Amino acid sequence: MGNGQRPCLLPGKLILTMSFVNPVNKSFCLEQICESNYLKLLKLIPDLLTFKETAIGLAPNNTTLHITVIESTPYTMTVELSHCFNKNLDEFLEPAVKIRIYLDAQLAEVLSDHVRASVAQVFKNPGLSREIMNYKWRLNYFLQKWLDHILKKDYQFSKMADYATLT
């Protein structure tokens, strides 16, 4: 790699543990990860853009995935994606990743997860741009790796009403 820069970490390019990942051009790499996450979400849930409320993902011998539409506008959609580790749907949903999907730009950006609050809650001073970028990087890098993991499991999604008739 020229200019002493580290590559962006896209699927199949480089495998490192999250604690060592620190690309030089983080804003460019963050945009690439958000683009990649958008494509992975649509691969995981092909009908995602038609969902209005909640959908359930089932895969053999795996925990269920839940996606809930929090907000939908003409150009964005905000969803929460999580695993359910119990049969009771109101219990133990993790990692509860809140994702803003930019439909026109075809990007998916993590807003928060079950452990980390939103950027606006954590950083009150917008002058902390480096820290904000690092925080966003960690959130979105986590989503990328989690989506890689769950895409290998062959989940099939259906709307909540359809799921109720299956159980």
N, C-alpha and C. Protein backbone atom coordinates (compact mmCIF):
# COMPACT_ATOMS: atom_id res chain seq x y z
N MET A 1 0.85 -1.17 0.00
CA MET A 1 0.00 0.00 0.00
C MET A 1 0.90 1.23 0.00
N GLY A 2 0.63 2.12 -0.90
CA GLY A 2 1.41 3.34 -0.98
C GLY A 2 1.03 4.33 0.09
N ASN A 3 1.83 5.35 0.25
CA ASN A 3 1.57 6.46 1.17
C ASN A 3 1.48 6.03 2.63
N GLY A 4 1.87 4.81 2.97
CA GLY A 4 1.84 4.36 4.35
C GLY A 4 0.45 4.20 4.92
N GLN A 5 -0.59 4.16 4.08
CA GLN A 5 -1.95 4.02 4.57
C GLN A 5 -2.32 2.57 4.71
N ARG A 6 -3.14 2.28 5.70
CA ARG A 6 -3.69 0.94 5.85
C ARG A 6 -4.91 0.82 4.96
N PRO A 7 -5.20 -0.36 4.49
CA PRO A 7 -6.37 -0.53 3.63
C PRO A 7 -7.65 -0.46 4.44
N CYS A 8 -8.74 -0.19 3.77
CA CYS A 8 -10.05 -0.30 4.40
C CYS A 8 -10.35 -1.78 4.54
N LEU A 9 -11.11 -2.13 5.54
CA LEU A 9 -11.39 -3.53 5.82
C LEU A 9 -12.74 -3.90 5.27
N LEU A 10 -12.77 -4.40 4.09
CA LEU A 10 -13.99 -4.86 3.47
C LEU A 10 -13.94 -6.37 3.38
N PRO A 11 -15.06 -7.03 3.19
CA PRO A 11 -15.11 -8.50 3.21
C PRO A 11 -14.04 -9.11 2.32
N GLY A 12 -13.32 -10.07 2.89
CA GLY A 12 -12.32 -10.80 2.15
C GLY A 12 -11.01 -10.05 1.94
N LYS A 13 -10.90 -8.84 2.44
CA LYS A 13 -9.69 -8.04 2.20
C LYS A 13 -8.65 -8.23 3.30
N LEU A 14 -9.07 -8.21 4.53
CA LEU A 14 -8.12 -8.25 5.62
C LEU A 14 -8.85 -8.66 6.90
N ILE A 15 -8.24 -9.50 7.69
CA ILE A 15 -8.87 -9.93 8.93
C ILE A 15 -7.96 -9.51 10.08
N LEU A 16 -8.48 -8.67 10.95
CA LEU A 16 -7.77 -8.24 12.14
C LEU A 16 -8.78 -8.19 13.29
N THR A 17 -8.28 -8.21 14.50
CA THR A 17 -9.20 -8.04 15.60
C THR A 17 -9.60 -6.58 15.70
N MET A 18 -10.76 -6.32 16.24
CA MET A 18 -11.30 -4.97 16.26
C MET A 18 -10.40 -4.00 17.01
N SER A 19 -9.69 -4.46 18.00
CA SER A 19 -8.86 -3.54 18.78
C SER A 19 -7.66 -3.01 17.98
N PHE A 20 -7.27 -3.70 16.92
CA PHE A 20 -6.14 -3.27 16.12
C PHE A 20 -6.54 -2.52 14.85
N VAL A 21 -7.81 -2.46 14.56
CA VAL A 21 -8.27 -1.82 13.34
C VAL A 21 -8.29 -0.31 13.54
N ASN A 22 -7.50 0.38 12.74
CA ASN A 22 -7.46 1.83 12.85
C ASN A 22 -6.94 2.41 11.54
N PRO A 23 -7.80 2.45 10.51
CA PRO A 23 -7.33 2.96 9.22
C PRO A 23 -6.97 4.44 9.30
N VAL A 24 -6.05 4.86 8.46
CA VAL A 24 -5.60 6.25 8.44
C VAL A 24 -6.71 7.16 7.93
N ASN A 25 -7.33 6.81 6.83
CA ASN A 25 -8.40 7.63 6.25
C ASN A 25 -9.75 7.09 6.71
N LYS A 26 -10.05 7.31 7.96
CA LYS A 26 -11.21 6.69 8.59
C LYS A 26 -12.53 7.17 7.98
N SER A 27 -12.64 8.41 7.59
CA SER A 27 -13.92 8.88 7.04
C SER A 27 -14.22 8.19 5.71
N PHE A 28 -13.22 8.00 4.87
CA PHE A 28 -13.41 7.29 3.61
C PHE A 28 -13.78 5.83 3.87
N CYS A 29 -13.07 5.20 4.79
CA CYS A 29 -13.34 3.80 5.11
C CYS A 29 -14.70 3.63 5.78
N LEU A 30 -15.09 4.60 6.60
CA LEU A 30 -16.41 4.55 7.23
C LEU A 30 -17.51 4.58 6.18
N GLU A 31 -17.35 5.42 5.17
CA GLU A 31 -18.33 5.47 4.10
C GLU A 31 -18.40 4.13 3.36
N GLN A 32 -17.26 3.51 3.13
CA GLN A 32 -17.25 2.21 2.46
C GLN A 32 -17.91 1.13 3.31
N ILE A 33 -17.69 1.17 4.61
CA ILE A 33 -18.33 0.19 5.49
C ILE A 33 -19.84 0.40 5.50
N CYS A 34 -20.29 1.66 5.55
CA CYS A 34 -21.73 1.93 5.54
C CYS A 34 -22.36 1.48 4.23
N GLU A 35 -21.64 1.62 3.15
CA GLU A 35 -22.11 1.14 1.85
C GLU A 35 -22.20 -0.39 1.85
N SER A 36 -21.16 -1.02 2.37
CA SER A 36 -21.11 -2.48 2.47
C SER A 36 -22.23 -3.00 3.38
N ASN A 37 -22.46 -2.32 4.51
CA ASN A 37 -23.51 -2.73 5.44
C ASN A 37 -24.90 -2.62 4.81
N TYR A 38 -25.12 -1.61 3.99
CA TYR A 38 -26.39 -1.47 3.27
C TYR A 38 -26.62 -2.69 2.38
N LEU A 39 -25.61 -3.04 1.60
CA LEU A 39 -25.74 -4.19 0.70
C LEU A 39 -25.94 -5.49 1.47
N LYS A 40 -25.26 -5.64 2.59
CA LYS A 40 -25.39 -6.85 3.40
C LYS A 40 -26.77 -6.94 4.04
N LEU A 41 -27.31 -5.82 4.49
CA LEU A 41 -28.67 -5.83 5.06
C LEU A 41 -29.69 -6.27 4.00
N LEU A 42 -29.54 -5.76 2.79
CA LEU A 42 -30.48 -6.15 1.72
C LEU A 42 -30.27 -7.60 1.29
N LYS A 43 -29.06 -8.09 1.40
CA LYS A 43 -28.83 -9.51 1.10
C LYS A 43 -29.44 -10.39 2.19
N LEU A 44 -29.30 -9.97 3.44
CA LEU A 44 -29.87 -10.71 4.56
C LEU A 44 -31.39 -10.67 4.54
N ILE A 45 -31.95 -9.50 4.24
CA ILE A 45 -33.40 -9.29 4.27
C ILE A 45 -33.81 -8.63 2.95
N PRO A 46 -33.99 -9.43 1.90
CA PRO A 46 -34.29 -8.85 0.58
C PRO A 46 -35.52 -7.95 0.56
N ASP A 47 -36.53 -8.23 1.38
CA ASP A 47 -37.75 -7.43 1.41
C ASP A 47 -37.72 -6.31 2.44
N LEU A 48 -36.56 -6.00 2.98
CA LEU A 48 -36.43 -5.03 4.06
C LEU A 48 -37.16 -3.72 3.77
N LEU A 49 -37.01 -3.19 2.59
CA LEU A 49 -37.56 -1.87 2.28
C LEU A 49 -39.09 -1.87 2.21
N THR A 50 -39.70 -3.05 2.21
CA THR A 50 -41.17 -3.12 2.20
C THR A 50 -41.74 -3.33 3.60
N PHE A 51 -40.90 -3.65 4.57
CA PHE A 51 -41.39 -3.89 5.93
C PHE A 51 -41.87 -2.60 6.57
N LYS A 52 -42.95 -2.68 7.32
CA LYS A 52 -43.52 -1.51 7.99
C LYS A 52 -43.38 -1.60 9.51
N GLU A 53 -43.26 -2.81 10.06
CA GLU A 53 -43.19 -2.96 11.51
C GLU A 53 -42.06 -3.89 11.92
N THR A 54 -42.39 -5.14 12.25
CA THR A 54 -41.40 -6.09 12.73
C THR A 54 -41.35 -7.32 11.83
N ALA A 55 -40.16 -7.86 11.66
CA ALA A 55 -39.98 -9.11 10.92
C ALA A 55 -39.06 -10.01 11.73
N ILE A 56 -39.23 -11.31 11.51
CA ILE A 56 -38.47 -12.31 12.23
C ILE A 56 -37.63 -13.10 11.24
N GLY A 57 -36.37 -13.35 11.61
CA GLY A 57 -35.49 -14.17 10.79
C GLY A 57 -35.23 -15.49 11.48
N LEU A 58 -35.46 -16.58 10.75
CA LEU A 58 -35.24 -17.92 11.30
C LEU A 58 -34.15 -18.62 10.48
N ALA A 59 -33.31 -19.37 11.19
CA ALA A 59 -32.29 -20.20 10.57
C ALA A 59 -32.17 -21.47 11.39
N PRO A 60 -31.92 -22.59 10.73
CA PRO A 60 -31.82 -23.86 11.46
C PRO A 60 -30.76 -23.81 12.57
N ASN A 61 -31.17 -24.24 13.75
CA ASN A 61 -30.27 -24.34 14.91
C ASN A 61 -29.60 -23.03 15.30
N ASN A 62 -30.29 -21.91 15.09
CA ASN A 62 -29.76 -20.60 15.48
C ASN A 62 -30.84 -19.80 16.19
N THR A 63 -30.42 -18.81 16.94
CA THR A 63 -31.38 -17.93 17.60
C THR A 63 -32.11 -17.11 16.54
N THR A 64 -33.30 -16.63 16.89
CA THR A 64 -34.05 -15.82 15.93
C THR A 64 -33.46 -14.41 15.86
N LEU A 65 -33.60 -13.82 14.69
CA LEU A 65 -33.24 -12.42 14.49
C LEU A 65 -34.53 -11.62 14.41
N HIS A 66 -34.52 -10.44 14.97
CA HIS A 66 -35.68 -9.55 14.92
C HIS A 66 -35.25 -8.24 14.29
N ILE A 67 -36.06 -7.75 13.38
CA ILE A 67 -35.83 -6.41 12.85
C ILE A 67 -37.13 -5.64 13.02
N THR A 68 -37.01 -4.46 13.61
CA THR A 68 -38.17 -3.61 13.86
C THR A 68 -37.95 -2.28 13.17
N VAL A 69 -38.95 -1.87 12.40
CA VAL A 69 -38.88 -0.56 11.76
C VAL A 69 -39.30 0.48 12.79
N ILE A 70 -38.40 1.39 13.10
CA ILE A 70 -38.66 2.44 14.08
C ILE A 70 -39.24 3.68 13.40
N GLU A 71 -38.70 3.98 12.22
CA GLU A 71 -39.13 5.18 11.50
C GLU A 71 -38.91 4.95 10.01
N SER A 72 -39.81 5.48 9.21
CA SER A 72 -39.66 5.37 7.76
C SER A 72 -40.09 6.68 7.11
N THR A 73 -39.19 7.25 6.31
CA THR A 73 -39.47 8.48 5.57
C THR A 73 -39.15 8.19 4.10
N PRO A 74 -39.44 9.11 3.20
CA PRO A 74 -39.14 8.83 1.79
C PRO A 74 -37.67 8.53 1.50
N TYR A 75 -36.75 9.08 2.30
CA TYR A 75 -35.33 8.92 2.00
C TYR A 75 -34.54 8.15 3.05
N THR A 76 -35.15 7.88 4.19
CA THR A 76 -34.45 7.13 5.24
C THR A 76 -35.39 6.13 5.89
N MET A 77 -34.76 5.18 6.56
CA MET A 77 -35.49 4.18 7.34
C MET A 77 -34.62 3.90 8.55
N THR A 78 -35.20 3.87 9.73
CA THR A 78 -34.46 3.53 10.94
C THR A 78 -35.00 2.22 11.46
N VAL A 79 -34.11 1.27 11.69
CA VAL A 79 -34.50 -0.06 12.14
C VAL A 79 -33.66 -0.47 13.34
N GLU A 80 -34.15 -1.47 14.05
CA GLU A 80 -33.36 -2.08 15.11
C GLU A 80 -33.26 -3.57 14.80
N LEU A 81 -32.03 -4.07 14.75
CA LEU A 81 -31.77 -5.47 14.46
C LEU A 81 -31.17 -6.11 15.69
N SER A 82 -31.71 -7.28 16.08
CA SER A 82 -31.19 -7.95 17.27
C SER A 82 -31.48 -9.44 17.22
N HIS A 83 -30.75 -10.18 18.04
CA HIS A 83 -31.01 -11.60 18.28
C HIS A 83 -31.98 -11.71 19.44
N CYS A 84 -32.80 -12.75 19.44
CA CYS A 84 -33.63 -13.05 20.61
C CYS A 84 -33.13 -14.38 21.16
N PHE A 85 -32.66 -14.36 22.39
CA PHE A 85 -32.07 -15.55 22.97
C PHE A 85 -33.05 -16.36 23.80
N ASN A 86 -34.31 -15.93 23.89
CA ASN A 86 -35.35 -16.66 24.60
C ASN A 86 -36.57 -16.79 23.70
N LYS A 87 -37.46 -17.69 24.06
CA LYS A 87 -38.71 -17.85 23.31
C LYS A 87 -39.64 -16.65 23.51
N ASN A 88 -39.58 -16.04 24.69
CA ASN A 88 -40.40 -14.87 24.97
C ASN A 88 -39.83 -13.68 24.21
N LEU A 89 -40.61 -13.12 23.30
CA LEU A 89 -40.11 -12.07 22.41
C LEU A 89 -39.77 -10.77 23.15
N ASP A 90 -40.26 -10.59 24.37
CA ASP A 90 -39.99 -9.37 25.12
C ASP A 90 -38.70 -9.46 25.92
N GLU A 91 -38.01 -10.57 25.85
CA GLU A 91 -36.84 -10.78 26.69
C GLU A 91 -35.54 -10.83 25.90
N PHE A 92 -34.52 -10.28 26.45
CA PHE A 92 -33.13 -10.50 26.06
C PHE A 92 -32.87 -10.35 24.57
N LEU A 93 -33.15 -9.19 24.06
CA LEU A 93 -32.82 -8.88 22.67
C LEU A 93 -31.46 -8.20 22.65
N GLU A 94 -30.49 -8.82 22.01
CA GLU A 94 -29.15 -8.27 21.89
C GLU A 94 -28.63 -8.55 20.51
N PRO A 95 -27.78 -7.82 19.95
CA PRO A 95 -27.18 -6.59 20.44
C PRO A 95 -28.03 -5.35 20.25
N ALA A 96 -29.24 -5.46 19.75
CA ALA A 96 -30.14 -4.30 19.62
C ALA A 96 -29.43 -3.13 18.93
N VAL A 97 -29.03 -3.35 17.70
CA VAL A 97 -28.33 -2.34 16.93
C VAL A 97 -29.34 -1.47 16.20
N LYS A 98 -29.32 -0.17 16.49
CA LYS A 98 -30.19 0.78 15.81
C LYS A 98 -29.44 1.31 14.60
N ILE A 99 -30.07 1.15 13.42
CA ILE A 99 -29.41 1.46 12.15
C ILE A 99 -30.25 2.46 11.36
N ARG A 100 -29.62 3.50 10.87
CA ARG A 100 -30.29 4.43 9.95
C ARG A 100 -29.88 4.04 8.54
N ILE A 101 -30.88 3.77 7.70
CA ILE A 101 -30.64 3.38 6.32
C ILE A 101 -30.97 4.58 5.44
N TYR A 102 -29.99 5.01 4.68
CA TYR A 102 -30.16 6.13 3.76
C TYR A 102 -30.49 5.54 2.39
N LEU A 103 -31.77 5.59 2.01
CA LEU A 103 -32.24 4.92 0.81
C LEU A 103 -31.66 5.52 -0.46
N ASP A 104 -31.58 6.85 -0.51
CA ASP A 104 -31.08 7.50 -1.72
C ASP A 104 -29.57 7.32 -1.89
N ALA A 105 -28.82 7.36 -0.80
CA ALA A 105 -27.37 7.20 -0.86
C ALA A 105 -26.93 5.73 -0.77
N GLN A 106 -27.85 4.85 -0.43
CA GLN A 106 -27.60 3.42 -0.26
C GLN A 106 -26.49 3.17 0.76
N LEU A 107 -26.71 3.74 1.96
CA LEU A 107 -25.80 3.58 3.08
C LEU A 107 -26.59 3.11 4.30
N ALA A 108 -25.94 2.37 5.19
CA ALA A 108 -26.54 1.97 6.46
C ALA A 108 -25.56 2.31 7.56
N GLU A 109 -25.97 3.21 8.46
CA GLU A 109 -25.09 3.70 9.53
C GLU A 109 -25.66 3.33 10.89
N VAL A 110 -24.82 2.78 11.75
CA VAL A 110 -25.25 2.43 13.10
C VAL A 110 -25.38 3.71 13.92
N LEU A 111 -26.51 3.83 14.59
CA LEU A 111 -26.74 4.98 15.48
C LEU A 111 -26.35 4.64 16.91
N SER A 112 -26.64 3.40 17.33
CA SER A 112 -26.31 2.95 18.69
C SER A 112 -26.48 1.44 18.75
N ASP A 113 -26.05 0.86 19.86
CA ASP A 113 -26.33 -0.56 20.10
C ASP A 113 -26.66 -0.74 21.58
N HIS A 114 -26.85 -1.98 22.01
CA HIS A 114 -27.31 -2.23 23.37
C HIS A 114 -26.31 -1.79 24.43
N VAL A 115 -25.05 -1.60 24.07
CA VAL A 115 -24.03 -1.20 25.03
C VAL A 115 -23.64 0.26 24.88
N ARG A 116 -23.65 0.74 23.64
CA ARG A 116 -23.16 2.09 23.35
C ARG A 116 -24.30 3.01 22.94
N ALA A 117 -24.32 4.18 23.53
CA ALA A 117 -25.35 5.17 23.23
C ALA A 117 -25.07 5.84 21.89
N SER A 118 -26.01 6.67 21.46
CA SER A 118 -25.82 7.39 20.19
C SER A 118 -24.70 8.41 20.33
N VAL A 119 -24.15 8.80 19.19
CA VAL A 119 -23.06 9.78 19.16
C VAL A 119 -23.47 11.07 19.86
N ALA A 120 -24.68 11.54 19.59
CA ALA A 120 -25.14 12.80 20.17
C ALA A 120 -25.22 12.74 21.70
N GLN A 121 -25.52 11.56 22.24
CA GLN A 121 -25.58 11.42 23.71
C GLN A 121 -24.19 11.35 24.32
N VAL A 122 -23.24 10.77 23.60
CA VAL A 122 -21.90 10.58 24.13
C VAL A 122 -21.04 11.83 23.98
N PHE A 123 -21.14 12.48 22.82
CA PHE A 123 -20.29 13.63 22.52
C PHE A 123 -21.15 14.89 22.40
N LYS A 124 -21.15 15.67 23.45
CA LYS A 124 -21.93 16.92 23.47
C LYS A 124 -21.20 18.03 22.70
N ASN A 125 -19.88 17.91 22.56
CA ASN A 125 -19.08 18.92 21.90
C ASN A 125 -18.77 18.47 20.46
N PRO A 126 -19.36 19.11 19.45
CA PRO A 126 -19.10 18.70 18.07
C PRO A 126 -17.66 18.94 17.63
N GLY A 127 -16.89 19.65 18.42
CA GLY A 127 -15.48 19.88 18.11
C GLY A 127 -14.61 18.65 18.31
N LEU A 128 -15.15 17.62 18.90
CA LEU A 128 -14.39 16.40 19.14
C LEU A 128 -14.50 15.47 17.92
N SER A 129 -14.20 15.98 16.75
CA SER A 129 -14.45 15.23 15.51
C SER A 129 -13.67 13.92 15.44
N ARG A 130 -12.45 13.89 15.92
CA ARG A 130 -11.67 12.64 15.88
C ARG A 130 -12.31 11.57 16.76
N GLU A 131 -12.72 11.95 17.95
CA GLU A 131 -13.35 11.00 18.85
C GLU A 131 -14.70 10.53 18.30
N ILE A 132 -15.44 11.45 17.70
CA ILE A 132 -16.74 11.09 17.09
C ILE A 132 -16.51 10.10 15.95
N MET A 133 -15.54 10.35 15.11
CA MET A 133 -15.24 9.46 13.99
C MET A 133 -14.82 8.08 14.50
N ASN A 134 -13.98 8.04 15.54
CA ASN A 134 -13.56 6.75 16.11
C ASN A 134 -14.75 5.99 16.67
N TYR A 135 -15.65 6.69 17.34
CA TYR A 135 -16.84 6.07 17.91
C TYR A 135 -17.72 5.49 16.81
N LYS A 136 -17.98 6.29 15.76
CA LYS A 136 -18.79 5.82 14.64
C LYS A 136 -18.12 4.64 13.94
N TRP A 137 -16.81 4.70 13.82
CA TRP A 137 -16.08 3.61 13.20
C TRP A 137 -16.31 2.30 13.94
N ARG A 138 -16.16 2.33 15.27
CA ARG A 138 -16.33 1.11 16.06
C ARG A 138 -17.74 0.55 15.93
N LEU A 139 -18.76 1.41 15.99
CA LEU A 139 -20.15 0.96 15.85
C LEU A 139 -20.38 0.29 14.50
N ASN A 140 -19.94 0.91 13.44
CA ASN A 140 -20.20 0.40 12.10
C ASN A 140 -19.33 -0.79 11.74
N TYR A 141 -18.13 -0.83 12.27
CA TYR A 141 -17.27 -1.99 12.06
C TYR A 141 -17.87 -3.22 12.73
N PHE A 142 -18.43 -3.03 13.93
CA PHE A 142 -19.11 -4.12 14.62
C PHE A 142 -20.26 -4.65 13.76
N LEU A 143 -21.08 -3.75 13.22
CA LEU A 143 -22.20 -4.19 12.39
C LEU A 143 -21.69 -4.98 11.18
N GLN A 144 -20.63 -4.51 10.56
CA GLN A 144 -20.09 -5.22 9.40
C GLN A 144 -19.73 -6.66 9.76
N LYS A 145 -19.03 -6.84 10.86
CA LYS A 145 -18.60 -8.18 11.26
C LYS A 145 -19.79 -9.04 11.69
N TRP A 146 -20.77 -8.44 12.37
CA TRP A 146 -21.95 -9.19 12.79
C TRP A 146 -22.76 -9.62 11.56
N LEU A 147 -22.94 -8.73 10.60
CA LEU A 147 -23.65 -9.10 9.37
C LEU A 147 -22.92 -10.20 8.62
N ASP A 148 -21.59 -10.14 8.56
CA ASP A 148 -20.83 -11.23 7.94
C ASP A 148 -21.15 -12.55 8.62
N HIS A 149 -21.21 -12.53 9.94
CA HIS A 149 -21.49 -13.75 10.71
C HIS A 149 -22.90 -14.27 10.43
N ILE A 150 -23.90 -13.40 10.50
CA ILE A 150 -25.27 -13.90 10.35
C ILE A 150 -25.62 -14.22 8.89
N LEU A 151 -24.92 -13.63 7.94
CA LEU A 151 -25.17 -13.99 6.54
C LEU A 151 -24.77 -15.44 6.25
N LYS A 152 -23.85 -15.98 7.02
CA LYS A 152 -23.42 -17.37 6.85
C LYS A 152 -24.46 -18.36 7.37
N LYS A 153 -25.44 -17.89 8.12
CA LYS A 153 -26.40 -18.78 8.79
C LYS A 153 -27.66 -19.07 7.99
N ASP A 154 -27.84 -18.44 6.85
CA ASP A 154 -28.98 -18.69 5.97
C ASP A 154 -30.33 -18.37 6.63
N TYR A 155 -30.42 -17.17 7.19
CA TYR A 155 -31.68 -16.72 7.79
C TYR A 155 -32.71 -16.43 6.71
N GLN A 156 -33.97 -16.76 7.01
CA GLN A 156 -35.10 -16.44 6.14
C GLN A 156 -36.03 -15.55 6.94
N PHE A 157 -36.37 -14.39 6.41
CA PHE A 157 -37.20 -13.43 7.13
C PHE A 157 -38.64 -13.46 6.66
N SER A 158 -39.54 -13.24 7.63
CA SER A 158 -40.96 -13.07 7.32
C SER A 158 -41.53 -12.04 8.28
N LYS A 159 -42.60 -11.40 7.86
CA LYS A 159 -43.24 -10.40 8.70
C LYS A 159 -43.78 -11.06 9.97
N MET A 160 -43.91 -10.30 11.04
CA MET A 160 -44.33 -10.81 12.34
C MET A 160 -45.66 -11.57 12.24
N ALA A 161 -46.61 -11.08 11.48
CA ALA A 161 -47.91 -11.74 11.34
C ALA A 161 -47.74 -13.13 10.72
N ASP A 162 -46.83 -13.25 9.73
CA ASP A 162 -46.56 -14.54 9.11
C ASP A 162 -45.90 -15.49 10.11
N TYR A 163 -45.02 -14.94 10.95
CA TYR A 163 -44.31 -15.73 11.95
C TYR A 163 -45.28 -16.31 12.96
N ALA A 164 -46.28 -15.53 13.36
CA ALA A 164 -47.25 -15.97 14.35
C ALA A 164 -48.00 -17.21 13.86
N THR A 165 -48.25 -17.32 12.58
CA THR A 165 -48.96 -18.50 12.06
C THR A 165 -48.05 -19.72 11.99
N LEU A 166 -46.72 -19.50 11.98
CA LEU A 166 -45.79 -20.62 11.94
C LEU A 166 -45.60 -21.27 13.31
N THR A 167 -45.77 -20.50 14.38
CA THR A 167 -45.50 -21.05 15.73
C THR A 167 -46.74 -21.55 16.41
